[in-house]
Amino acid sequence: MMKILRILIKILLVLSIPAIVAACQIIQTIGDMPEKESVMRYEELPYYRDGFFHAAEELPFYPERITGSGGGRWRHVFNTANAPKTTLPTVPLTASSFTDPPAELAFYWLGHSSLIIELDGLRFMVDPVLSNAAPIPGIIRRYIDAPIQSKDLPHLDYVLITHDHYDHLEYAAIRALRKRPDTRFIVPYGVGAHLKKWGVPDERIHEIGWSETFQAGNVSITSEETIHYSGRTYGRRNTTLWTAYVMKGKESSLFISGDAGYSGHFKEIGERHGSFRLAFLDSDAWNPGWPKTHLFPEEVIRAYHDLRAETLVPVHWGVFALGRHPWDESIRMIRALADEDENVNLLTPIMGEKVIPGETLTADWWESSGRD
């Protein structure tokens, strides 16, 4: 009997080890809370109170108004009718795909909200997410592999994080980038705690809040207010800040919305910073049930005009099943609205395609992709 019991115990131990390892990995991926000293500084900010950051407008949620289909929360686990039926096109990239030194102005959309931007000879990466967008492998999977993997990334001067949701801040990508001693990170208040937990040295992390500017060589990077929320667990919602970014070089200014609901802040930013050469705008996962969380297609066009931008680049689409509508519905609606408005200059690159504004012509590639 004792022999059988010992065998059973050994079996249970063997079976439990993978579960323990997986649990530890998930806990690590979640990140960390801001330190007490940081929280004391945040309490001096007008948009921080009662232990949380606050947007100018609270985010409404109307369960009875939710539209669309796609399996509810199970859409994050299984492909649904909203996913592409065939493989989407990409332009594969390696470190050798990039020029040295970086261009004065060029960008690569890597899918969803991940970008590589070259401005005034510096190279920036925005919201690096190159695998799945959840703490558990296999949850919120990509429709298609990223056009580049972490090990193949070129030299990056700076990494910009807009907020700490899993589809904008990936543990695996940060763990790879921490090994690059010349790469620095610009993040909203509180997000630095995640990076430090994952091994990024404190001196390479620069936290900024709304209306604050960090100078990166000849490029100024200003954090701007936006309507959204943060958190890598429900219990930590809004304990870190979320942001949009304004990047100003010698000749070109760029706007990166991060995730955003529509409000008057777009017009205020346009009036304060002048026109933008490029506006990268959140354009997917909208729903009447959560009307201020992301931009509806018509709001994308409105925000573009509010910002007085020269060129619109829709992002936050084409990779993850985060909404309850077909994967290409947003871009189709935006293209139709842009066609009706002769004052909209729309760029829609394939994932991984190099774009030089004013030179590169892009196509409506989704028209011939993702269908049987």
Protein backbone atom coordinates (compact mmCIF):
# COMPACT_ATOMS: atom_id res chain seq x y z
CA MET A 1 0.00 0.00 0.00
CA MET A 2 2.78 2.43 0.95
CA LYS A 3 4.55 1.65 -2.30
CA ILE A 4 1.42 2.54 -4.30
CA LEU A 5 1.01 5.73 -2.27
CA ARG A 6 4.62 6.76 -2.98
CA ILE A 7 4.10 6.14 -6.69
CA LEU A 8 0.93 8.23 -6.67
CA ILE A 9 2.73 11.07 -4.87
CA LYS A 10 5.53 10.99 -7.43
CA ILE A 11 3.01 11.10 -10.28
CA LEU A 12 1.22 14.06 -8.71
CA LEU A 13 4.52 15.88 -8.23
CA VAL A 14 5.50 15.29 -11.85
CA LEU A 15 2.11 16.50 -13.07
CA SER A 16 2.12 19.54 -10.81
CA ILE A 17 5.53 20.86 -11.85
CA PRO A 18 4.35 22.20 -15.26
CA ALA A 19 1.34 23.80 -13.56
CA ILE A 20 3.56 25.49 -10.98
CA VAL A 21 5.96 26.72 -13.67
CA ALA A 22 3.03 28.06 -15.74
CA ALA A 23 1.54 29.83 -12.71
CA CYS A 24 4.88 31.47 -11.91
CA GLN A 25 5.19 32.58 -15.54
CA ILE A 26 1.72 34.13 -15.49
CA ILE A 27 2.45 35.99 -12.25
CA GLN A 28 5.69 37.32 -13.76
CA THR A 29 3.90 38.39 -16.94
CA ILE A 30 1.35 40.42 -14.99
CA GLY A 31 4.08 42.80 -13.85
CA ASP A 32 4.26 44.88 -10.69
CA MET A 33 2.55 47.73 -8.88
CA PRO A 34 4.15 51.20 -8.73
CA GLU A 35 6.38 51.71 -5.71
CA LYS A 36 5.14 53.70 -2.73
CA GLU A 37 7.53 56.57 -3.48
CA SER A 38 6.14 56.83 -7.00
CA VAL A 39 2.54 56.81 -5.77
CA MET A 40 3.35 59.71 -3.43
CA ARG A 41 4.51 61.73 -6.46
CA TYR A 42 1.41 60.80 -8.45
CA GLU A 43 -0.80 62.20 -5.67
CA GLU A 44 0.34 65.69 -6.69
CA LEU A 45 -1.11 65.24 -10.18
CA PRO A 46 -4.57 66.69 -10.98
CA TYR A 47 -5.60 63.47 -12.75
CA TYR A 48 -4.64 61.12 -9.88
CA ARG A 49 -6.83 60.68 -6.80
CA ASP A 50 -7.94 57.96 -4.41
CA GLY A 51 -5.13 55.72 -5.62
CA PHE A 52 -6.11 55.76 -9.30
CA PHE A 53 -5.49 57.70 -12.50
CA HIS A 54 -8.60 59.28 -14.00
CA ALA A 55 -9.51 60.26 -17.55
CA ALA A 56 -11.34 63.54 -18.14
CA GLU A 57 -14.42 61.45 -18.97
CA GLU A 58 -15.41 58.21 -17.29
CA LEU A 59 -15.82 55.20 -19.57
CA PRO A 60 -19.46 54.08 -19.85
CA PHE A 61 -20.44 50.45 -20.30
CA TYR A 62 -23.88 49.47 -21.60
CA PRO A 63 -24.33 45.66 -21.74
CA GLU A 64 -27.76 46.04 -23.30
CA ARG A 65 -26.29 48.02 -26.23
CA ILE A 66 -23.58 45.52 -27.20
CA THR A 67 -23.81 44.64 -30.88
CA GLY A 68 -22.10 42.12 -33.12
CA SER A 69 -21.22 38.50 -32.66
CA GLY A 70 -18.18 36.30 -32.46
CA GLY A 71 -18.46 34.12 -29.38
CA GLY A 72 -18.32 36.72 -26.63
CA ARG A 73 -15.26 36.24 -24.43
CA TRP A 74 -14.53 32.89 -26.13
CA ARG A 75 -13.48 34.85 -29.24
CA HIS A 76 -10.18 35.36 -27.41
CA VAL A 77 -9.54 31.61 -27.34
CA PHE A 78 -11.00 30.25 -30.56
CA ASN A 79 -11.06 31.72 -34.05
CA THR A 80 -14.57 32.84 -34.90
CA ALA A 81 -16.50 33.84 -37.99
CA ASN A 82 -14.99 37.29 -37.56
CA ALA A 83 -11.43 36.07 -38.17
CA PRO A 84 -9.78 36.00 -41.62
CA LYS A 85 -10.43 32.80 -43.53
CA THR A 86 -7.02 32.78 -45.22
CA THR A 87 -3.54 34.00 -44.37
CA LEU A 88 -3.03 37.74 -44.47
CA PRO A 89 -0.07 39.19 -46.41
CA THR A 90 3.05 40.44 -44.67
CA VAL A 91 6.46 41.72 -45.71
CA PRO A 92 8.99 39.67 -43.69
CA LEU A 93 11.64 41.75 -41.95
CA THR A 94 15.04 41.15 -40.39
CA ALA A 95 17.60 43.55 -38.96
CA SER A 96 19.17 43.83 -42.42
CA SER A 97 15.88 45.21 -43.81
CA PHE A 98 16.57 48.54 -42.09
CA THR A 99 18.94 51.26 -43.22
CA ASP A 100 21.81 52.51 -41.14
CA PRO A 101 21.50 55.28 -40.14
CA PRO A 102 17.70 55.40 -39.84
CA ALA A 103 15.76 57.57 -42.27
CA GLU A 104 14.64 61.13 -41.62
CA LEU A 105 11.04 59.90 -41.81
CA ALA A 106 9.77 56.37 -42.43
CA PHE A 107 7.65 53.83 -40.61
CA TYR A 108 6.74 50.14 -40.55
CA TRP A 109 3.37 48.95 -39.27
CA LEU A 110 3.88 45.53 -37.66
CA GLY A 111 0.17 44.88 -37.12
CA HIS A 112 -2.25 46.03 -34.43
CA SER A 113 -0.62 49.02 -32.65
CA SER A 114 3.04 47.97 -33.03
CA LEU A 115 5.18 50.31 -35.10
CA ILE A 116 8.78 51.02 -35.94
CA ILE A 117 9.25 54.72 -36.68
CA GLU A 118 12.36 56.39 -38.03
CA LEU A 119 12.54 60.13 -37.39
CA ASP A 120 15.52 62.47 -37.71
CA GLY A 121 18.01 59.61 -37.73
CA LEU A 122 16.60 57.87 -34.64
CA ARG A 123 14.64 54.62 -34.55
CA PHE A 124 11.66 54.18 -32.25
CA MET A 125 9.45 51.18 -31.58
CA VAL A 126 5.89 51.70 -30.36
CA ASP A 127 3.94 49.15 -28.27
CA PRO A 128 5.99 46.04 -29.11
CA VAL A 129 3.66 43.02 -29.20
CA LEU A 130 4.95 40.29 -31.48
CA SER A 131 3.15 37.18 -30.21
CA ASN A 132 -0.08 36.83 -28.24
CA ALA A 133 -1.86 39.56 -26.27
CA ALA A 134 -2.53 37.80 -22.96
CA PRO A 135 -0.59 36.44 -19.98
CA ILE A 136 -1.49 32.87 -20.98
CA PRO A 137 -0.12 31.39 -24.24
CA GLY A 138 -2.81 30.60 -26.78
CA ILE A 139 -5.19 33.28 -25.48
CA ILE A 140 -5.80 36.25 -27.79
CA ARG A 141 -3.62 34.78 -30.51
CA ARG A 142 -2.57 36.65 -33.62
CA TYR A 143 -4.34 35.96 -36.89
CA ILE A 144 -0.88 35.83 -38.45
CA ASP A 145 2.73 35.82 -37.26
CA ALA A 146 4.33 39.22 -36.87
CA PRO A 147 6.50 40.27 -39.82
CA ILE A 148 9.51 40.37 -37.49
CA GLN A 149 10.50 38.58 -34.30
CA SER A 150 12.25 40.09 -31.29
CA LYS A 151 15.59 38.46 -32.09
CA ASP A 152 15.54 39.99 -35.58
CA LEU A 153 14.78 43.59 -34.58
CA PRO A 154 17.23 46.27 -35.70
CA HIS A 155 18.92 48.69 -33.33
CA LEU A 156 16.28 50.66 -31.47
CA ASP A 157 17.08 53.95 -29.78
CA TYR A 158 13.80 54.19 -27.88
CA VAL A 159 10.72 52.10 -27.15
CA LEU A 160 7.46 53.97 -26.50
CA ILE A 161 4.66 52.32 -24.52
CA THR A 162 1.19 53.91 -24.60
CA HIS A 163 -0.29 51.82 -21.76
CA ASP A 164 0.03 48.47 -20.06
CA HIS A 165 -2.78 46.42 -21.65
CA TYR A 166 -1.46 43.11 -22.97
CA ASP A 167 -2.05 44.04 -26.61
CA HIS A 168 0.30 47.02 -26.16
CA LEU A 169 2.88 45.77 -23.67
CA GLU A 170 4.24 42.26 -24.10
CA TYR A 171 6.38 40.57 -21.47
CA ALA A 172 8.35 38.46 -23.97
CA ALA A 173 9.21 41.45 -26.16
CA ILE A 174 10.40 43.53 -23.21
CA ARG A 175 12.48 40.62 -21.91
CA ALA A 176 14.21 40.46 -25.28
CA LEU A 177 14.70 44.23 -25.54
CA ARG A 178 16.14 44.52 -22.03
CA LYS A 179 19.27 42.78 -23.32
CA ARG A 180 20.00 45.78 -25.57
CA PRO A 181 21.95 48.24 -23.39
CA ASP A 182 21.50 51.16 -25.82
CA THR A 183 17.70 50.92 -25.99
CA ARG A 184 15.74 53.18 -23.64
CA PHE A 185 12.06 53.11 -22.73
CA ILE A 186 9.59 55.99 -22.55
CA VAL A 187 6.47 54.98 -20.64
CA PRO A 188 3.49 56.52 -18.81
CA TYR A 189 3.55 56.86 -15.03
CA GLY A 190 3.49 53.52 -13.23
CA VAL A 191 4.40 51.37 -16.24
CA GLY A 192 8.07 51.51 -15.27
CA ALA A 193 7.29 49.13 -12.39
CA HIS A 194 6.45 46.37 -14.90
CA LEU A 195 9.68 46.93 -16.81
CA LYS A 196 11.83 46.91 -13.69
CA LYS A 197 10.24 43.64 -12.56
CA TRP A 198 11.13 42.19 -15.97
CA GLY A 199 14.78 43.17 -15.69
CA VAL A 200 15.06 46.55 -17.42
CA PRO A 201 17.54 48.76 -15.50
CA ASP A 202 15.97 51.79 -13.85
CA GLU A 203 18.29 54.22 -15.65
CA ARG A 204 16.91 53.13 -19.03
CA ILE A 205 13.29 53.84 -18.08
CA HIS A 206 11.80 57.32 -18.44
CA GLU A 207 8.30 57.82 -17.02
CA ILE A 208 6.33 60.87 -18.12
CA GLY A 209 2.80 62.13 -17.51
CA TRP A 210 0.32 64.17 -19.50
CA SER A 211 1.74 67.42 -20.94
CA GLU A 212 5.29 66.41 -19.98
CA THR A 213 8.05 66.19 -22.59
CA PHE A 214 11.11 63.98 -22.95
CA GLN A 215 13.88 65.08 -25.29
CA ALA A 216 15.32 62.26 -27.41
CA GLY A 217 18.12 63.82 -29.45
CA ASN A 218 16.47 66.25 -31.86
CA VAL A 219 13.06 64.65 -31.27
CA SER A 220 10.77 65.85 -28.49
CA ILE A 221 8.23 63.36 -27.19
CA THR A 222 5.24 64.77 -25.33
CA SER A 223 2.70 62.70 -23.43
CA GLU A 224 -0.85 63.87 -24.12
CA GLU A 225 -4.14 63.15 -22.39
CA THR A 226 -6.49 60.60 -23.88
CA ILE A 227 -9.69 58.78 -22.92
CA HIS A 228 -9.01 55.16 -22.00
CA TYR A 229 -7.95 53.03 -19.03
CA SER A 230 -5.14 50.70 -17.93
CA GLY A 231 -4.46 47.53 -15.99
CA ARG A 232 -3.09 44.01 -16.46
CA THR A 233 -5.58 42.57 -13.96
CA TYR A 234 -9.03 43.83 -13.04
CA GLY A 235 -7.87 44.60 -9.49
CA ARG A 236 -5.11 46.88 -10.80
CA ARG A 237 -7.26 48.87 -13.20
CA ASN A 238 -6.05 52.48 -13.59
CA THR A 239 -3.13 52.14 -11.17
CA THR A 240 -0.90 53.07 -14.14
CA LEU A 241 -1.36 55.86 -16.67
CA TRP A 242 -2.29 55.62 -20.36
CA THR A 243 -1.23 58.16 -22.94
CA ALA A 244 -1.06 59.45 -26.48
CA TYR A 245 2.28 60.75 -27.81
CA VAL A 246 3.28 63.74 -29.88
CA MET A 247 6.65 63.31 -31.59
CA LYS A 248 8.24 66.47 -32.98
CA GLY A 249 11.33 66.38 -35.17
CA LYS A 250 13.10 69.16 -37.04
CA GLU A 251 10.55 69.16 -39.85
CA SER A 252 7.88 66.56 -39.10
CA SER A 253 5.44 66.05 -36.23
CA LEU A 254 3.70 62.74 -35.60
CA PHE A 255 0.73 61.82 -33.43
CA ILE A 256 0.24 58.38 -31.84
CA SER A 257 -3.18 57.98 -30.25
CA GLY A 258 -2.68 54.80 -28.25
CA ASP A 259 -6.11 53.45 -27.39
CA ALA A 260 -8.62 56.28 -27.26
CA GLY A 261 -12.25 57.21 -27.09
CA TYR A 262 -13.33 60.32 -28.96
CA SER A 263 -13.50 63.64 -27.13
CA GLY A 264 -12.50 67.28 -27.53
CA HIS A 265 -8.91 66.48 -26.60
CA PHE A 266 -8.06 65.72 -30.24
CA LYS A 267 -8.94 69.27 -31.29
CA GLU A 268 -7.08 70.73 -28.32
CA ILE A 269 -3.96 68.76 -29.25
CA GLY A 270 -4.26 69.87 -32.87
CA GLU A 271 -4.56 73.51 -31.82
CA ARG A 272 -1.68 73.27 -29.35
CA HIS A 273 0.82 71.38 -31.48
CA GLY A 274 -0.09 72.47 -34.99
CA SER A 275 -0.53 70.11 -37.93
CA PHE A 276 0.87 66.57 -37.99
CA ARG A 277 2.61 64.87 -40.87
CA LEU A 278 1.24 61.50 -39.72
CA ALA A 279 -1.55 60.52 -37.32
CA PHE A 280 -1.58 56.89 -36.15
CA LEU A 281 -5.13 56.45 -34.84
CA ASP A 282 -6.88 53.67 -32.91
CA SER A 283 -9.45 52.29 -35.34
CA ASP A 284 -10.90 48.96 -34.20
CA ALA A 285 -12.71 47.05 -31.40
CA TRP A 286 -15.39 49.76 -31.10
CA ASN A 287 -18.89 48.92 -29.92
CA PRO A 288 -22.01 50.81 -28.77
CA GLY A 289 -21.70 48.83 -25.53
CA TRP A 290 -18.37 50.55 -24.73
CA PRO A 291 -18.64 53.79 -26.75
CA LYS A 292 -15.67 55.71 -25.28
CA THR A 293 -13.12 52.90 -25.17
CA HIS A 294 -12.07 52.96 -28.85
CA LEU A 295 -12.72 55.17 -31.87
CA PHE A 296 -15.62 54.36 -34.18
CA PRO A 297 -14.71 54.68 -37.90
CA GLU A 298 -16.47 58.05 -38.27
CA GLU A 299 -14.65 59.25 -35.15
CA VAL A 300 -11.33 58.25 -36.68
CA ILE A 301 -12.01 60.66 -39.54
CA ARG A 302 -13.21 63.36 -37.14
CA ALA A 303 -10.11 63.00 -34.94
CA TYR A 304 -7.88 63.15 -38.04
CA HIS A 305 -9.42 66.50 -38.97
CA ASP A 306 -9.32 67.75 -35.37
CA LEU A 307 -5.59 67.06 -35.29
CA ARG A 308 -5.12 68.86 -38.62
CA ALA A 309 -3.11 65.87 -39.77
CA GLU A 310 -1.76 65.50 -43.31
CA THR A 311 -1.92 61.70 -43.44
CA LEU A 312 -4.02 59.13 -41.58
CA VAL A 313 -2.66 55.69 -40.68
CA PRO A 314 -5.26 53.44 -39.00
CA VAL A 315 -3.77 51.12 -36.37
CA HIS A 316 -5.10 48.74 -33.67
CA TRP A 317 -6.56 46.35 -36.24
CA GLY A 318 -5.80 43.30 -38.40
CA VAL A 319 -4.23 41.04 -35.77
CA PHE A 320 -6.39 40.25 -32.71
CA ALA A 321 -10.07 39.41 -32.18
CA LEU A 322 -10.76 42.14 -29.63
CA GLY A 323 -14.05 43.43 -31.01
CA ARG A 324 -17.30 41.79 -32.06
CA HIS A 325 -17.17 42.64 -35.74
CA PRO A 326 -15.37 41.13 -38.76
CA TRP A 327 -11.61 41.66 -38.79
CA ASP A 328 -11.76 44.01 -41.80
CA GLU A 329 -15.00 45.88 -41.06
CA SER A 330 -13.29 48.91 -39.53
CA ILE A 331 -10.80 49.46 -42.34
CA ARG A 332 -13.52 49.03 -44.97
CA MET A 333 -15.66 51.65 -43.26
CA ILE A 334 -12.71 54.02 -42.89
CA ARG A 335 -11.78 53.58 -46.55
CA ALA A 336 -15.39 54.34 -47.58
CA LEU A 337 -15.49 57.45 -45.40
CA ALA A 338 -12.12 58.61 -46.76
CA ASP A 339 -13.36 58.13 -50.33
CA GLU A 340 -16.32 60.38 -49.54
CA ASP A 341 -14.06 63.03 -48.02
CA GLU A 342 -11.56 64.41 -50.52
CA ASN A 343 -9.58 65.97 -47.67
CA VAL A 344 -8.48 62.64 -46.21
CA ASN A 345 -5.11 61.20 -47.20
CA LEU A 346 -5.17 57.55 -46.11
CA LEU A 347 -2.18 55.19 -45.90
CA THR A 348 -2.88 51.47 -45.40
CA PRO A 349 0.38 49.51 -45.61
CA ILE A 350 0.74 45.75 -45.49
CA MET A 351 2.23 44.58 -42.20
CA GLY A 352 6.00 44.97 -42.45
CA GLU A 353 5.92 47.26 -45.49
CA LYS A 354 8.29 50.23 -45.35
CA VAL A 355 6.45 53.50 -45.82
CA ILE A 356 8.08 56.81 -46.71
CA PRO A 357 5.36 59.48 -46.50
CA GLY A 358 4.96 61.35 -49.75
CA GLU A 359 6.63 58.56 -51.74
CA THR A 360 5.06 55.21 -50.84
CA LEU A 361 1.70 54.29 -52.35
CA THR A 362 -0.33 51.73 -50.44
CA ALA A 363 -3.18 49.50 -51.65
CA ASP A 364 -6.47 48.23 -50.26
CA TRP A 365 -4.82 44.86 -49.68
CA TRP A 366 -7.64 43.49 -47.48
CA GLU A 367 -9.93 43.40 -50.54
CA SER A 368 -8.08 40.31 -51.82
CA SER A 369 -7.05 38.84 -48.45
CA GLY A 370 -8.63 36.93 -45.61
CA ARG A 371 -11.37 35.32 -47.71
CA ASP A 372 -11.89 31.78 -48.98
